[in-house]
């Protein structure tokens, strides 16, 4: 998709073309897994503080 966005008219779609470059380096799976890690860390911290299991 980023390649298609880069082919758009630079004057009419300057913002979209800028975002296209950023999208190329973005990894949705990596971001998802980082989010899961944050949630799990929060659960572990809560369990340790409360002693709940």
N, C-alpha and C. Protein backbone atom coordinates (compact mmCIF):
# COMPACT_ATOMS: atom_id res chain seq x y z
N UNK A 1 0.82 -1.18 0.00
CA UNK A 1 0.00 0.00 0.00
C UNK A 1 0.87 1.26 0.00
N UNK A 2 1.98 1.23 0.72
CA UNK A 2 2.83 2.42 0.77
C UNK A 2 3.37 2.79 -0.62
N UNK A 3 3.63 1.78 -1.44
CA UNK A 3 4.12 2.06 -2.80
C UNK A 3 3.05 2.79 -3.60
N UNK A 4 1.82 2.38 -3.48
CA UNK A 4 0.71 3.03 -4.18
C UNK A 4 0.56 4.47 -3.72
N UNK A 5 0.67 4.71 -2.42
CA UNK A 5 0.54 6.06 -1.90
C UNK A 5 1.68 6.95 -2.39
N UNK A 6 2.87 6.40 -2.53
CA UNK A 6 4.00 7.20 -3.01
C UNK A 6 3.83 7.62 -4.47
N UNK A 7 3.00 6.90 -5.20
CA UNK A 7 2.77 7.22 -6.61
C UNK A 7 1.72 8.31 -6.80
N UNK A 8 1.07 8.75 -5.74
CA UNK A 8 0.07 9.81 -5.83
C UNK A 8 0.72 11.14 -6.16
N UNK A 9 -0.07 12.06 -6.65
CA UNK A 9 0.40 13.40 -6.99
C UNK A 9 0.98 14.07 -5.74
N UNK A 10 2.26 14.46 -5.78
CA UNK A 10 2.91 15.03 -4.58
C UNK A 10 2.28 16.33 -4.09
N UNK A 11 1.72 17.12 -4.98
CA UNK A 11 1.10 18.38 -4.55
C UNK A 11 -0.27 18.14 -3.92
N UNK A 12 -1.03 17.23 -4.47
CA UNK A 12 -2.38 16.98 -3.97
C UNK A 12 -2.38 16.08 -2.74
N UNK A 13 -1.36 15.24 -2.60
CA UNK A 13 -1.34 14.25 -1.52
C UNK A 13 -0.01 14.26 -0.76
N UNK A 14 0.45 15.43 -0.39
CA UNK A 14 1.76 15.53 0.27
C UNK A 14 1.78 14.79 1.61
N UNK A 15 0.71 14.93 2.40
CA UNK A 15 0.67 14.26 3.69
C UNK A 15 0.67 12.74 3.51
N UNK A 16 -0.15 12.24 2.61
CA UNK A 16 -0.25 10.80 2.37
C UNK A 16 1.09 10.23 1.92
N UNK A 17 1.79 10.96 1.10
CA UNK A 17 3.09 10.49 0.64
C UNK A 17 4.10 10.46 1.79
N UNK A 18 4.01 11.39 2.70
CA UNK A 18 4.89 11.40 3.86
C UNK A 18 4.61 10.20 4.77
N UNK A 19 3.35 9.91 4.99
CA UNK A 19 2.96 8.77 5.83
C UNK A 19 3.37 7.46 5.17
N UNK A 20 3.34 7.40 3.86
CA UNK A 20 3.71 6.17 3.13
C UNK A 20 5.12 5.74 3.50
N UNK A 21 6.02 6.67 3.64
CA UNK A 21 7.39 6.34 4.00
C UNK A 21 7.46 5.74 5.40
N UNK A 22 6.67 6.28 6.31
CA UNK A 22 6.64 5.78 7.68
C UNK A 22 6.01 4.39 7.75
N UNK A 23 5.01 4.15 6.93
CA UNK A 23 4.32 2.85 6.94
C UNK A 23 5.25 1.71 6.53
N UNK A 24 6.15 2.00 5.66
CA UNK A 24 7.05 0.96 5.17
C UNK A 24 7.84 0.32 6.32
N UNK A 25 8.21 1.11 7.29
CA UNK A 25 9.00 0.59 8.41
C UNK A 25 8.17 0.14 9.60
N UNK A 26 6.85 0.27 9.52
CA UNK A 26 5.97 -0.08 10.64
C UNK A 26 5.64 -1.57 10.60
N UNK A 27 5.73 -2.21 11.75
CA UNK A 27 5.43 -3.64 11.84
C UNK A 27 4.26 -3.83 12.80
N UNK A 28 3.06 -4.08 12.24
CA UNK A 28 1.86 -4.23 13.07
C UNK A 28 2.00 -5.38 14.06
N UNK A 29 2.57 -6.48 13.63
CA UNK A 29 2.70 -7.64 14.52
C UNK A 29 3.58 -7.30 15.72
N UNK A 30 4.68 -6.63 15.45
CA UNK A 30 5.58 -6.24 16.53
C UNK A 30 4.88 -5.32 17.52
N UNK A 31 4.14 -4.36 17.03
CA UNK A 31 3.40 -3.43 17.90
C UNK A 31 2.34 -4.17 18.71
N UNK A 32 1.64 -5.11 18.08
CA UNK A 32 0.63 -5.90 18.77
C UNK A 32 1.25 -6.68 19.93
N UNK A 33 2.37 -7.34 19.64
CA UNK A 33 3.03 -8.14 20.67
C UNK A 33 3.55 -7.27 21.81
N UNK A 34 4.01 -6.07 21.50
CA UNK A 34 4.43 -5.15 22.55
C UNK A 34 3.25 -4.78 23.44
N UNK A 35 2.09 -4.58 22.83
CA UNK A 35 0.88 -4.27 23.59
C UNK A 35 0.48 -5.42 24.50
N UNK A 36 0.57 -6.64 23.99
CA UNK A 36 0.27 -7.82 24.81
C UNK A 36 1.23 -7.89 25.99
N UNK A 37 2.50 -7.62 25.76
CA UNK A 37 3.49 -7.62 26.84
C UNK A 37 3.13 -6.60 27.93
N UNK A 38 2.68 -5.43 27.52
CA UNK A 38 2.31 -4.40 28.50
C UNK A 38 1.11 -4.87 29.33
N UNK A 39 0.11 -5.44 28.68
CA UNK A 39 -1.07 -5.92 29.40
C UNK A 39 -0.69 -7.03 30.38
N UNK A 40 0.10 -7.98 29.92
CA UNK A 40 0.52 -9.08 30.80
C UNK A 40 1.36 -8.58 31.98
N UNK A 41 2.23 -7.63 31.73
CA UNK A 41 3.04 -7.07 32.81
C UNK A 41 2.14 -6.40 33.85
N UNK A 42 1.09 -5.73 33.39
CA UNK A 42 0.14 -5.10 34.31
C UNK A 42 -0.60 -6.13 35.14
N UNK A 43 -0.99 -7.23 34.52
CA UNK A 43 -1.67 -8.30 35.26
C UNK A 43 -0.74 -8.89 36.31
N UNK A 44 0.50 -9.18 35.93
CA UNK A 44 1.46 -9.76 36.87
C UNK A 44 1.69 -8.81 38.04
N UNK A 45 1.85 -7.53 37.77
CA UNK A 45 2.08 -6.56 38.83
C UNK A 45 0.89 -6.50 39.79
N UNK A 46 -0.31 -6.51 39.23
CA UNK A 46 -1.52 -6.47 40.06
C UNK A 46 -1.62 -7.70 40.94
N UNK A 47 -1.35 -8.86 40.38
CA UNK A 47 -1.41 -10.11 41.14
C UNK A 47 -0.38 -10.10 42.27
N UNK A 48 0.81 -9.62 41.98
CA UNK A 48 1.85 -9.59 43.01
C UNK A 48 1.48 -8.62 44.14
N UNK A 49 0.90 -7.48 43.79
CA UNK A 49 0.54 -6.49 44.81
C UNK A 49 -0.60 -6.96 45.68
N UNK A 50 -1.56 -7.63 45.08
CA UNK A 50 -2.76 -8.00 45.82
C UNK A 50 -2.68 -9.41 46.40
N UNK A 51 -1.75 -10.21 45.88
CA UNK A 51 -1.64 -11.58 46.32
C UNK A 51 -2.73 -12.48 45.75
N UNK A 52 -3.48 -11.94 44.79
CA UNK A 52 -4.57 -12.67 44.16
C UNK A 52 -4.01 -13.64 43.13
N UNK A 53 -4.61 -14.80 43.06
CA UNK A 53 -4.21 -15.77 42.05
C UNK A 53 -5.38 -16.36 41.39
